[in-house]
Amino acid sequence: MNTMNDRAFSAKGYYHQTVTRTAYVWLPLFAVVIFVCSYFEKYRFILYISVVGATYAFILGQLKKKAVEVNFSRDKITINSTEIRLSEIKSYYISLPLNELIVLRMRTGSGDESMYIDRNKREGIMEFLREHHIPEEKISYDYYLQYGHLIMPFVGLLICAAMYKLYYYIQYGF
């Protein structure tokens, strides 16, 4: 019988820290785009949608370049070139924060590793970790991993509001 223990498989993933850092690094660009779009009064909202949408697509393209390979093998999980021995993993949890990606959080003796991975790999990963007797355990950090990305739209809206108000003050005075 060929079990998951005997088969190695891999998936493309993204470090949670990389995704978060990339999103926050590009926020100033969004602010400038919103500020410039504010000067075109008649076409302002059309520009908001089209230019911000194009900027968002560009940011996603930059993020895809930062993908890493996650390999699940007999006695270890390799993320890029970092090896995590299965015996070091104390627990894991998988959540579905986005439509296309799951978050795999693994608690080891040295801390937590969090990865966004293709959601189609969820069942395979769960079976792999169950067969290696690694318990599934939800901790408070998992709530942040599952819902933390929702902070970004609110920060973006606040930046949009601030840039629009700045435009208004520059255009019409205090």
Protein backbone atom coordinates (compact mmCIF):
# COMPACT_ATOMS: atom_id res chain seq x y z
CA MET A 1 0.00 0.00 0.00
CA ASN A 2 1.40 3.39 -1.02
CA THR A 3 0.68 5.87 1.77
CA MET A 4 1.53 9.53 2.11
CA ASN A 5 4.50 8.47 4.24
CA ASP A 6 6.04 6.84 1.18
CA ARG A 7 5.35 9.66 -1.25
CA ALA A 8 6.95 13.06 -1.33
CA PHE A 9 5.02 15.97 -2.75
CA SER A 10 5.57 19.66 -3.11
CA ALA A 11 3.61 22.88 -3.34
CA LYS A 12 4.27 26.49 -4.15
CA GLY A 13 3.93 28.74 -1.13
CA TYR A 14 4.51 32.19 0.28
CA TYR A 15 5.83 33.11 3.71
CA HIS A 16 3.18 34.95 5.70
CA GLN A 17 5.73 37.61 6.68
CA THR A 18 6.63 38.17 3.03
CA VAL A 19 3.00 38.64 2.01
CA THR A 20 2.35 41.08 4.85
CA ARG A 21 5.58 43.00 4.30
CA THR A 22 4.95 43.28 0.55
CA ALA A 23 1.45 44.61 1.14
CA TYR A 24 2.59 47.26 3.61
CA VAL A 25 5.63 48.30 1.56
CA TRP A 26 3.39 49.13 -1.40
CA LEU A 27 0.86 51.14 0.64
CA PRO A 28 2.74 54.44 0.07
CA LEU A 29 2.48 53.88 -3.68
CA PHE A 30 -1.28 53.48 -3.27
CA ALA A 31 -1.34 56.77 -1.36
CA VAL A 32 0.47 58.60 -4.18
CA VAL A 33 -1.81 57.04 -6.81
CA ILE A 34 -4.91 58.09 -4.87
CA PHE A 35 -3.53 61.60 -4.39
CA VAL A 36 -2.77 62.03 -8.11
CA CYS A 37 -6.15 60.60 -9.14
CA SER A 38 -7.85 63.11 -6.85
CA TYR A 39 -6.74 65.97 -9.12
CA PHE A 40 -8.90 64.73 -11.98
CA GLU A 41 -12.25 65.79 -10.59
CA LYS A 42 -14.55 64.52 -13.37
CA TYR A 43 -12.77 61.19 -13.81
CA ARG A 44 -11.59 60.72 -10.24
CA PHE A 45 -13.58 57.61 -9.36
CA ILE A 46 -13.00 55.91 -12.71
CA LEU A 47 -9.27 56.53 -12.24
CA TYR A 48 -9.43 55.20 -8.69
CA ILE A 49 -10.82 51.91 -9.93
CA SER A 50 -8.63 51.50 -13.01
CA VAL A 51 -5.29 52.84 -11.74
CA VAL A 52 -5.57 51.29 -8.29
CA GLY A 53 -6.64 48.01 -9.94
CA ALA A 54 -3.60 48.09 -12.22
CA THR A 55 -1.35 48.90 -9.26
CA TYR A 56 -2.88 46.02 -7.29
CA ALA A 57 -2.24 43.64 -10.23
CA PHE A 58 1.37 44.86 -10.38
CA ILE A 59 1.83 44.21 -6.65
CA LEU A 60 0.40 40.69 -7.01
CA GLY A 61 2.86 40.09 -9.86
CA GLN A 62 5.72 41.18 -7.62
CA LEU A 63 4.49 38.88 -4.87
CA LYS A 64 4.31 35.87 -7.21
CA LYS A 65 8.03 36.31 -7.87
CA LYS A 66 8.64 35.66 -4.16
CA ALA A 67 7.07 32.20 -4.17
CA VAL A 68 9.01 29.42 -2.47
CA GLU A 69 8.91 25.67 -2.92
CA VAL A 70 7.52 23.65 0.01
CA ASN A 71 8.50 19.97 -0.11
CA PHE A 72 6.86 17.36 2.10
CA SER A 73 9.04 14.25 2.33
CA ARG A 74 9.37 11.17 4.51
CA ASP A 75 10.93 12.79 7.60
CA LYS A 76 11.02 16.53 6.96
CA ILE A 77 9.36 19.53 5.39
CA THR A 78 11.67 21.70 3.34
CA ILE A 79 10.74 25.34 2.75
CA ASN A 80 13.13 26.78 0.19
CA SER A 81 16.35 25.49 1.74
CA THR A 82 15.17 25.46 5.37
CA GLU A 83 14.48 22.00 6.72
CA ILE A 84 11.95 21.33 9.46
CA ARG A 85 12.20 17.80 10.80
CA LEU A 86 8.79 16.27 11.45
CA SER A 87 9.92 15.32 14.96
CA GLU A 88 10.37 19.05 15.73
CA ILE A 89 6.78 19.96 14.82
CA LYS A 90 4.64 20.14 17.96
CA SER A 91 1.36 21.05 16.28
CA TYR A 92 -0.14 22.54 13.15
CA TYR A 93 -3.27 24.31 12.04
CA ILE A 94 -4.68 25.00 8.59
CA SER A 95 -7.15 27.79 7.88
CA LEU A 96 -8.67 29.20 4.71
CA PRO A 97 -8.35 32.99 4.82
CA LEU A 98 -8.36 33.55 1.04
CA ASN A 99 -10.25 31.90 -1.80
CA GLU A 100 -7.16 30.49 -3.46
CA LEU A 101 -4.73 29.93 -0.58
CA ILE A 102 -4.70 28.23 2.80
CA VAL A 103 -2.47 29.15 5.71
CA LEU A 104 -0.41 26.33 7.19
CA ARG A 105 0.93 27.23 10.63
CA MET A 106 3.41 24.81 12.19
CA ARG A 107 4.55 25.21 15.78
CA THR A 108 8.10 24.00 16.36
CA GLY A 109 10.46 24.29 19.30
CA SER A 110 11.98 27.40 17.75
CA GLY A 111 8.69 29.19 16.97
CA ASP A 112 5.90 29.25 14.42
CA GLU A 113 6.24 28.91 10.64
CA SER A 114 3.32 30.26 8.63
CA MET A 115 2.92 29.67 4.91
CA TYR A 116 0.28 30.48 2.33
CA ILE A 117 -0.14 27.40 0.12
CA ASP A 118 -2.48 26.48 -2.74
CA ARG A 119 -5.79 25.35 -1.26
CA ASN A 120 -5.87 22.25 -3.47
CA LYS A 121 -3.02 20.83 -1.35
CA ARG A 122 -5.02 21.06 1.90
CA GLU A 123 -6.21 17.45 2.07
CA GLY A 124 -2.79 16.09 1.13
CA ILE A 125 -1.06 18.18 3.80
CA MET A 126 -3.59 17.21 6.46
CA GLU A 127 -3.27 13.53 5.60
CA PHE A 128 0.54 13.80 5.59
CA LEU A 129 0.66 15.44 9.03
CA ARG A 130 -1.95 13.07 10.50
CA GLU A 131 0.01 10.04 9.31
CA HIS A 132 3.04 11.42 11.10
CA HIS A 133 0.97 11.84 14.29
CA ILE A 134 1.31 15.61 14.44
CA PRO A 135 -1.67 17.04 16.33
CA GLU A 136 -3.86 19.78 14.93
CA GLU A 137 -4.16 22.58 17.46
CA LYS A 138 -5.72 26.01 17.04
CA ILE A 139 -4.05 28.84 18.96
CA SER A 140 -4.90 32.55 19.18
CA TYR A 141 -2.27 33.40 16.53
CA ASP A 142 -4.34 31.38 14.04
CA TYR A 143 -7.14 33.95 14.29
CA TYR A 144 -4.68 36.64 13.23
CA LEU A 145 -3.48 34.47 10.32
CA GLN A 146 -7.03 33.81 9.21
CA TYR A 147 -8.43 37.34 9.54
CA GLY A 148 -5.37 39.61 9.65
CA HIS A 149 -5.39 40.21 5.90
CA LEU A 150 -8.71 42.03 6.35
CA ILE A 151 -6.81 44.85 8.06
CA MET A 152 -5.27 45.81 4.71
CA PRO A 153 -8.48 47.06 3.03
CA PHE A 154 -9.25 49.22 6.06
CA VAL A 155 -5.75 50.68 6.06
CA GLY A 156 -6.14 51.29 2.33
CA LEU A 157 -9.47 53.06 2.87
CA LEU A 158 -7.93 55.23 5.58
CA ILE A 159 -5.10 56.16 3.23
CA CYS A 160 -7.62 56.95 0.47
CA ALA A 161 -9.57 59.18 2.85
CA ALA A 162 -6.41 60.94 4.06
CA MET A 163 -5.18 61.55 0.49
CA TYR A 164 -8.57 62.84 -0.61
CA LYS A 165 -8.70 65.17 2.40
CA LEU A 166 -5.15 66.36 1.65
CA TYR A 167 -6.17 67.05 -1.95
CA TYR A 168 -9.22 68.95 -0.71
CA TYR A 169 -7.10 71.10 1.64
CA ILE A 170 -4.57 71.85 -1.09
CA GLN A 171 -7.26 72.62 -3.67
CA TYR A 172 -9.67 74.66 -1.52
CA GLY A 173 -7.63 75.64 1.55
CA PHE A 174 -8.28 74.99 5.19
